[in-house]
C-alpha atoms as a PDB file:
ATOM      1  CA  MET A   1       0.000   0.000   0.000  1.00  0.00           C
ATOM      2  CA  ALA A   2       1.426   3.382  -1.010  1.00  0.00           C
ATOM      3  CA  SER A   3       1.701   6.102   1.558  1.00  0.00           C
ATOM      4  CA  ASN A   4       1.363   9.816   0.896  1.00  0.00           C
ATOM      5  CA  SER A   5       3.093  10.750   4.141  1.00  0.00           C
ATOM      6  CA  VAL A   6       6.244  12.809   4.279  1.00  0.00           C
ATOM      7  CA  TYR A   7       8.445  11.969   7.240  1.00  0.00           C
ATOM      8  CA  GLN A   8      10.575  14.722   8.726  1.00  0.00           C
ATOM      9  CA  GLN A   9      14.069  13.744   9.737  1.00  0.00           C
ATOM     10  CA  TYR A  10      15.738  15.862  12.374  1.00  0.00           C
ATOM     11  CA  PRO A  11      19.405  16.125  13.265  1.00  0.00           C
ATOM     12  CA  GLY A  12      20.486  13.774  16.022  1.00  0.00           C
ATOM     13  CA  ASN A  13      21.435  16.347  18.635  1.00  0.00           C
ATOM     14  CA  LEU A  14      18.924  19.184  18.837  1.00  0.00           C
ATOM     15  CA  SER A  15      20.720  20.828  21.757  1.00  0.00           C
ATOM     16  CA  SER A  16      24.152  21.146  20.141  1.00  0.00           C
ATOM     17  CA  PHE A  17      25.913  24.462  20.246  1.00  0.00           C
ATOM     18  CA  GLN A  18      26.425  26.495  17.072  1.00  0.00           C
ATOM     19  CA  TYR A  19      29.169  28.965  16.195  1.00  0.00           C
ATOM     20  CA  GLN A  20      28.750  32.559  17.263  1.00  0.00           C
ATOM     21  CA  TYR A  21      30.957  35.590  16.700  1.00  0.00           C
ATOM     22  CA  SER A  22      32.802  35.082  19.980  1.00  0.00           C
ATOM     23  CA  ASN A  23      33.964  31.645  18.728  1.00  0.00           C
ATOM     24  CA  LEU A  24      36.060  33.388  16.059  1.00  0.00           C
ATOM     25  CA  ALA A  25      39.759  34.155  16.436  1.00  0.00           C
ATOM     26  CA  LEU A  26      41.525  36.238  13.781  1.00  0.00           C
ATOM     27  CA  SER A  27      45.236  36.468  13.187  1.00  0.00           C
ATOM     28  CA  PHE A  28      47.536  37.512  10.402  1.00  0.00           C
ATOM     29  CA  ALA A  29      49.991  35.110   8.782  1.00  0.00           C
ATOM     30  CA  SER A  30      52.830  37.533   9.592  1.00  0.00           C
ATOM     31  CA  ALA A  31      52.041  37.099  13.324  1.00  0.00           C
ATOM     32  CA  PRO A  32      50.028  33.831  13.553  1.00  0.00           C
ATOM     33  CA  SER A  33      50.106  33.532  17.344  1.00  0.00           C
ATOM     34  CA  GLN A  34      48.972  37.137  17.876  1.00  0.00           C
ATOM     35  CA  TYR A  35      45.161  37.253  17.718  1.00  0.00           C
ATOM     36  CA  PHE A  36      43.456  40.561  16.982  1.00  0.00           C
ATOM     37  CA  PRO A  37      40.107  40.686  18.863  1.00  0.00           C
ATOM     38  CA  TYR A  38      39.118  44.315  18.157  1.00  0.00           C
ATOM     39  CA  LEU A  39      37.031  43.655  15.043  1.00  0.00           C
ATOM     40  CA  THR A  40      33.296  44.296  15.124  1.00  0.00           C
ATOM     41  CA  SER A  41      32.640  42.553  11.810  1.00  0.00           C
ATOM     42  CA  VAL A  42      34.444  40.349   9.336  1.00  0.00           C
ATOM     43  CA  ASN A  43      33.023  39.660   5.889  1.00  0.00           C
ATOM     44  CA  TYR A  44      34.445  37.583   3.073  1.00  0.00           C
ATOM     45  CA  SER A  45      33.029  35.833   0.037  1.00  0.00           C
ATOM     46  CA  ASP A  46      34.005  34.340  -3.282  1.00  0.00           C
ATOM     47  CA  THR A  47      32.396  33.401  -6.571  1.00  0.00           C
ATOM     48  CA  ASN A  48      33.388  31.426  -9.623  1.00  0.00           C
ATOM     49  CA  ASP A  49      31.575  32.734 -12.701  1.00  0.00           C
ATOM     50  CA  VAL A  50      31.158  29.821 -15.076  1.00  0.00           C
ATOM     51  CA  VAL A  51      30.142  30.506 -18.687  1.00  0.00           C
ATOM     52  CA  GLU A  52      28.266  28.061 -20.892  1.00  0.00           C
ATOM     53  CA  ALA A  53      29.429  27.171 -24.394  1.00  0.00           C
ATOM     54  CA  ARG A  54      26.361  26.951 -26.629  1.00  0.00           C
ATOM     55  CA  GLY A  55      27.355  27.525 -30.232  1.00  0.00           C
ATOM     56  CA  ILE A  56      24.242  26.967 -32.311  1.00  0.00           C
ATOM     57  CA  SER A  57      22.839  24.573 -29.732  1.00  0.00           C
ATOM     58  CA  PRO A  58      19.771  25.295 -27.591  1.00  0.00           C
ATOM     59  CA  TYR A  59      21.425  23.557 -24.646  1.00  0.00           C
ATOM     60  CA  PRO A  60      24.884  23.945 -23.079  1.00  0.00           C
ATOM     61  CA  MET A  61      27.650  22.010 -24.829  1.00  0.00           C
ATOM     62  CA  GLY A  62      30.043  22.530 -21.925  1.00  0.00           C
ATOM     63  CA  THR A  63      31.282  25.186 -19.552  1.00  0.00           C
ATOM     64  CA  THR A  64      34.435  27.124 -18.896  1.00  0.00           C
ATOM     65  CA  LEU A  65      36.412  26.551 -15.720  1.00  0.00           C
ATOM     66  CA  GLY A  66      35.196  29.992 -14.694  1.00  0.00           C
ATOM     67  CA  GLU A  67      36.637  33.239 -13.393  1.00  0.00           C
ATOM     68  CA  TYR A  68      37.265  33.132  -9.672  1.00  0.00           C
ATOM     69  CA  LYS A  69      36.847  36.301  -7.589  1.00  0.00           C
ATOM     70  CA  ALA A  70      37.123  36.834  -3.826  1.00  0.00           C
ATOM     71  CA  SER A  71      36.565  39.906  -1.662  1.00  0.00           C
ATOM     72  CA  GLY A  72      36.370  40.891   1.973  1.00  0.00           C
ATOM     73  CA  SER A  73      36.103  43.632   4.554  1.00  0.00           C
ATOM     74  CA  LEU A  74      36.710  44.223   8.248  1.00  0.00           C
ATOM     75  CA  GLU A  75      35.424  46.713  10.783  1.00  0.00           C
ATOM     76  CA  VAL A  76      38.030  47.727  13.345  1.00  0.00           C
ATOM     77  CA  GLN A  77      37.240  49.486  16.612  1.00  0.00           C
ATOM     78  CA  LYS A  78      38.534  53.051  16.211  1.00  0.00           C
ATOM     79  CA  LEU A  79      40.455  52.949  19.494  1.00  0.00           C
ATOM     80  CA  TYR A  80      42.534  49.985  18.248  1.00  0.00           C
ATOM     81  CA  LEU A  81      42.974  51.159  14.645  1.00  0.00           C
ATOM     82  CA  PRO A  82      46.624  52.195  15.242  1.00  0.00           C
ATOM     83  CA  ASP A  83      47.423  48.638  16.434  1.00  0.00           C
ATOM     84  CA  PHE A  84      45.746  47.155  13.365  1.00  0.00           C
ATOM     85  CA  LEU A  85      47.530  49.541  11.003  1.00  0.00           C
ATOM     86  CA  LYS A  86      50.870  48.727  12.620  1.00  0.00           C
ATOM     87  CA  LEU A  87      50.257  45.008  11.986  1.00  0.00           C
ATOM     88  CA  ILE A  88      49.460  45.715   8.335  1.00  0.00           C
ATOM     89  CA  ALA A  89      52.251  48.256   7.731  1.00  0.00           C
ATOM     90  CA  ASN A  90      54.786  45.827   9.154  1.00  0.00           C
ATOM     91  CA  GLY A  91      54.352  43.724   5.999  1.00  0.00           C
ATOM     92  CA  SER A  92      54.871  46.603   3.568  1.00  0.00           C
ATOM     93  CA  PRO A  93      58.137  47.183   1.693  1.00  0.00           C
ATOM     94  CA  ASP A  94      59.130  50.167   3.847  1.00  0.00           C
ATOM     95  CA  LYS A  95      57.333  48.945   7.023  1.00  0.00           C
ATOM     96  CA  ASN A  96      55.415  52.240   7.050  1.00  0.00           C
ATOM     97  CA  SER A  97      52.753  52.052   4.312  1.00  0.00           C
ATOM     98  CA  LEU A  98      49.340  50.394   4.064  1.00  0.00           C
ATOM     99  CA  TYR A  99      48.052  49.915   0.517  1.00  0.00           C
ATOM    100  CA  ASP A 100      51.106  47.989  -0.749  1.00  0.00           C
ATOM    101  CA  SER A 101      51.232  45.527   2.146  1.00  0.00           C
ATOM    102  CA  VAL A 102      50.231  41.979   1.180  1.00  0.00           C
ATOM    103  CA  PHE A 103      49.017  39.783   4.037  1.00  0.00           C
ATOM    104  CA  ASP A 104      47.015  36.646   4.809  1.00  0.00           C
ATOM    105  CA  ILE A 105      44.180  36.561   7.338  1.00  0.00           C
ATOM    106  CA  ILE A 106      43.512  33.392   9.309  1.00  0.00           C
ATOM    107  CA  ALA A 107      39.985  32.944  10.694  1.00  0.00           C
ATOM    108  CA  GLN A 108      39.667  30.091  13.184  1.00  0.00           C
ATOM    109  CA  TYR A 109      36.454  28.828  14.762  1.00  0.00           C
ATOM    110  CA  GLN A 110      36.174  26.672  17.846  1.00  0.00           C
ATOM    111  CA  LEU A 111      33.148  25.947  19.986  1.00  0.00           C
ATOM    112  CA  ARG A 112      33.178  26.103  23.738  1.00  0.00           C
ATOM    113  CA  PRO A 113      31.143  22.983  24.463  1.00  0.00           C
ATOM    114  CA  ALA A 114      29.001  22.405  27.508  1.00  0.00           C
ATOM    115  CA  THR A 115      30.220  20.029  30.182  1.00  0.00           C
ATOM    116  CA  GLY A 116      30.157  16.496  28.868  1.00  0.00           C
ATOM    117  CA  GLN A 117      30.052  17.461  25.203  1.00  0.00           C
ATOM    118  CA  GLU A 118      32.902  16.467  22.928  1.00  0.00           C
ATOM    119  CA  GLN A 119      35.258  19.267  21.825  1.00  0.00           C
ATOM    120  CA  PRO A 120      34.904  19.657  18.043  1.00  0.00           C
ATOM    121  CA  PRO A 121      38.046  20.372  16.021  1.00  0.00           C
ATOM    122  CA  VAL A 122      39.158  23.901  15.141  1.00  0.00           C
ATOM    123  CA  LYS A 123      37.921  24.983  11.707  1.00  0.00           C
ATOM    124  CA  THR A 124      40.110  27.369   9.709  1.00  0.00           C
ATOM    125  CA  ASP A 125      39.365  29.668   6.782  1.00  0.00           C
ATOM    126  CA  LYS A 126      42.257  31.565   5.245  1.00  0.00           C
ATOM    127  CA  LEU A 127      42.130  34.706   3.121  1.00  0.00           C
ATOM    128  CA  HIS A 128      45.238  34.640   0.935  1.00  0.00           C
ATOM    129  CA  GLY A 129      47.016  37.602  -0.654  1.00  0.00           C
ATOM    130  CA  CYS A 130      44.965  40.364   0.975  1.00  0.00           C
ATOM    131  CA  ARG A 131      45.570  44.054   0.430  1.00  0.00           C
ATOM    132  CA  ILE A 132      43.727  47.061   1.799  1.00  0.00           C
ATOM    133  CA  THR A 133      41.810  48.818  -0.983  1.00  0.00           C
ATOM    134  CA  GLY A 134      40.085  51.466   1.108  1.00  0.00           C
ATOM    135  CA  MET A 135      39.079  52.662   4.544  1.00  0.00           C
ATOM    136  CA  SER A 136      36.032  54.633   5.627  1.00  0.00           C
ATOM    137  CA  GLN A 137      34.498  55.891   8.815  1.00  0.00           C
ATOM    138  CA  ASP A 138      30.899  56.878   9.499  1.00  0.00           C
ATOM    139  CA  MET A 139      30.154  58.675  12.752  1.00  0.00           C
ATOM    140  CA  SER A 140      26.898  59.777  14.287  1.00  0.00           C
ATOM    141  CA  GLN A 141      25.780  60.772  17.739  1.00  0.00           C
ATOM    142  CA  GLY A 142      24.879  58.030  20.153  1.00  0.00           C
ATOM    143  CA  ASN A 143      26.544  55.415  22.267  1.00  0.00           C
ATOM    144  CA  ALA A 144      27.753  53.057  19.511  1.00  0.00           C
ATOM    145  CA  VAL A 145      31.427  52.100  19.369  1.00  0.00           C
ATOM    146  CA  LEU A 146      33.236  54.033  16.635  1.00  0.00           C
ATOM    147  CA  THR A 147      34.639  51.757  13.942  1.00  0.00           C
ATOM    148  CA  VAL A 148      36.588  52.050  10.709  1.00  0.00           C
ATOM    149  CA  LYS A 149      35.551  49.886   7.757  1.00  0.00           C
ATOM    150  CA  VAL A 150      38.481  48.407   5.841  1.00  0.00           C
ATOM    151  CA  THR A 151      37.766  46.997   2.375  1.00  0.00           C
ATOM    152  CA  LEU A 152      40.060  44.284   1.103  1.00  0.00           C
ATOM    153  CA  TYR A 153      41.302  42.779  -2.101  1.00  0.00           C
ATOM    154  CA  VAL A 154      41.476  39.018  -1.512  1.00  0.00           C
ATOM    155  CA  ALA A 155      43.336  36.797  -3.994  1.00  0.00           C
ATOM    156  CA  TYR A 156      41.544  33.618  -2.896  1.00  0.00           C
ATOM    157  CA  ILE A 157      39.930  31.952   0.105  1.00  0.00           C
ATOM    158  CA  THR A 158      40.441  28.468   1.474  1.00  0.00           C
ATOM    159  CA  TRP A 159      37.235  27.401   3.228  1.00  0.00           C
ATOM    160  CA  SER A 160      37.939  24.835   5.985  1.00  0.00           C
ATOM    161  CA  ASP A 161      41.254  24.082   4.240  1.00  0.00           C
ATOM    162  CA  TYR A 162      39.556  23.394   0.865  1.00  0.00           C
ATOM    163  CA  LEU A 163      40.976  25.211  -2.158  1.00  0.00           C
ATOM    164  CA  PRO A 164      38.515  26.970  -4.485  1.00  0.00           C
ATOM    165  CA  LEU A 165      40.271  25.525  -7.569  1.00  0.00           C
ATOM    166  CA  ALA A 166      42.931  22.882  -8.007  1.00  0.00           C
ATOM    167  CA  GLY A 167      46.512  24.077  -8.383  1.00  0.00           C
ATOM    168  CA  LEU A 168      46.491  27.003  -5.963  1.00  0.00           C
ATOM    169  CA  PRO A 169      49.014  27.004  -3.106  1.00  0.00           C
ATOM    170  CA  GLN A 170      47.542  26.026   0.270  1.00  0.00           C
END
């Protein structure tokens, strides 16, 4: 006999913890053991624009490997901006400039489990070949923490140690 029922399947542990912003630790490859906690936001993304080859066909006859593009941005607490800029400038040719400094950012995530829960492994994303492309600051009255937004060029991102395309250095 056929059944028209749909059975929901739920994850095994409904009370497991999930990542939150305080589970994130950011460092720079030039100083990997020095974590920089004064960031109010971290954003990064990538895309791989694949193009179809159609010719005179109504359906795709193949695709290109694609054009990979990554980007990112950070928001730094204004009070700690000099510390951040010093970290970045340290990687520049003259150790005193910002926009020609190339650096990697390491984002690591680790949960703080409840008593009795197993400690999951540290997950790591890495933003390779970053450069600052701009900085901006918006201020308005109120009690919000002042921040500076830093936009980044990102060459590529490894998500949980997976490369976006084969052949890139890890």
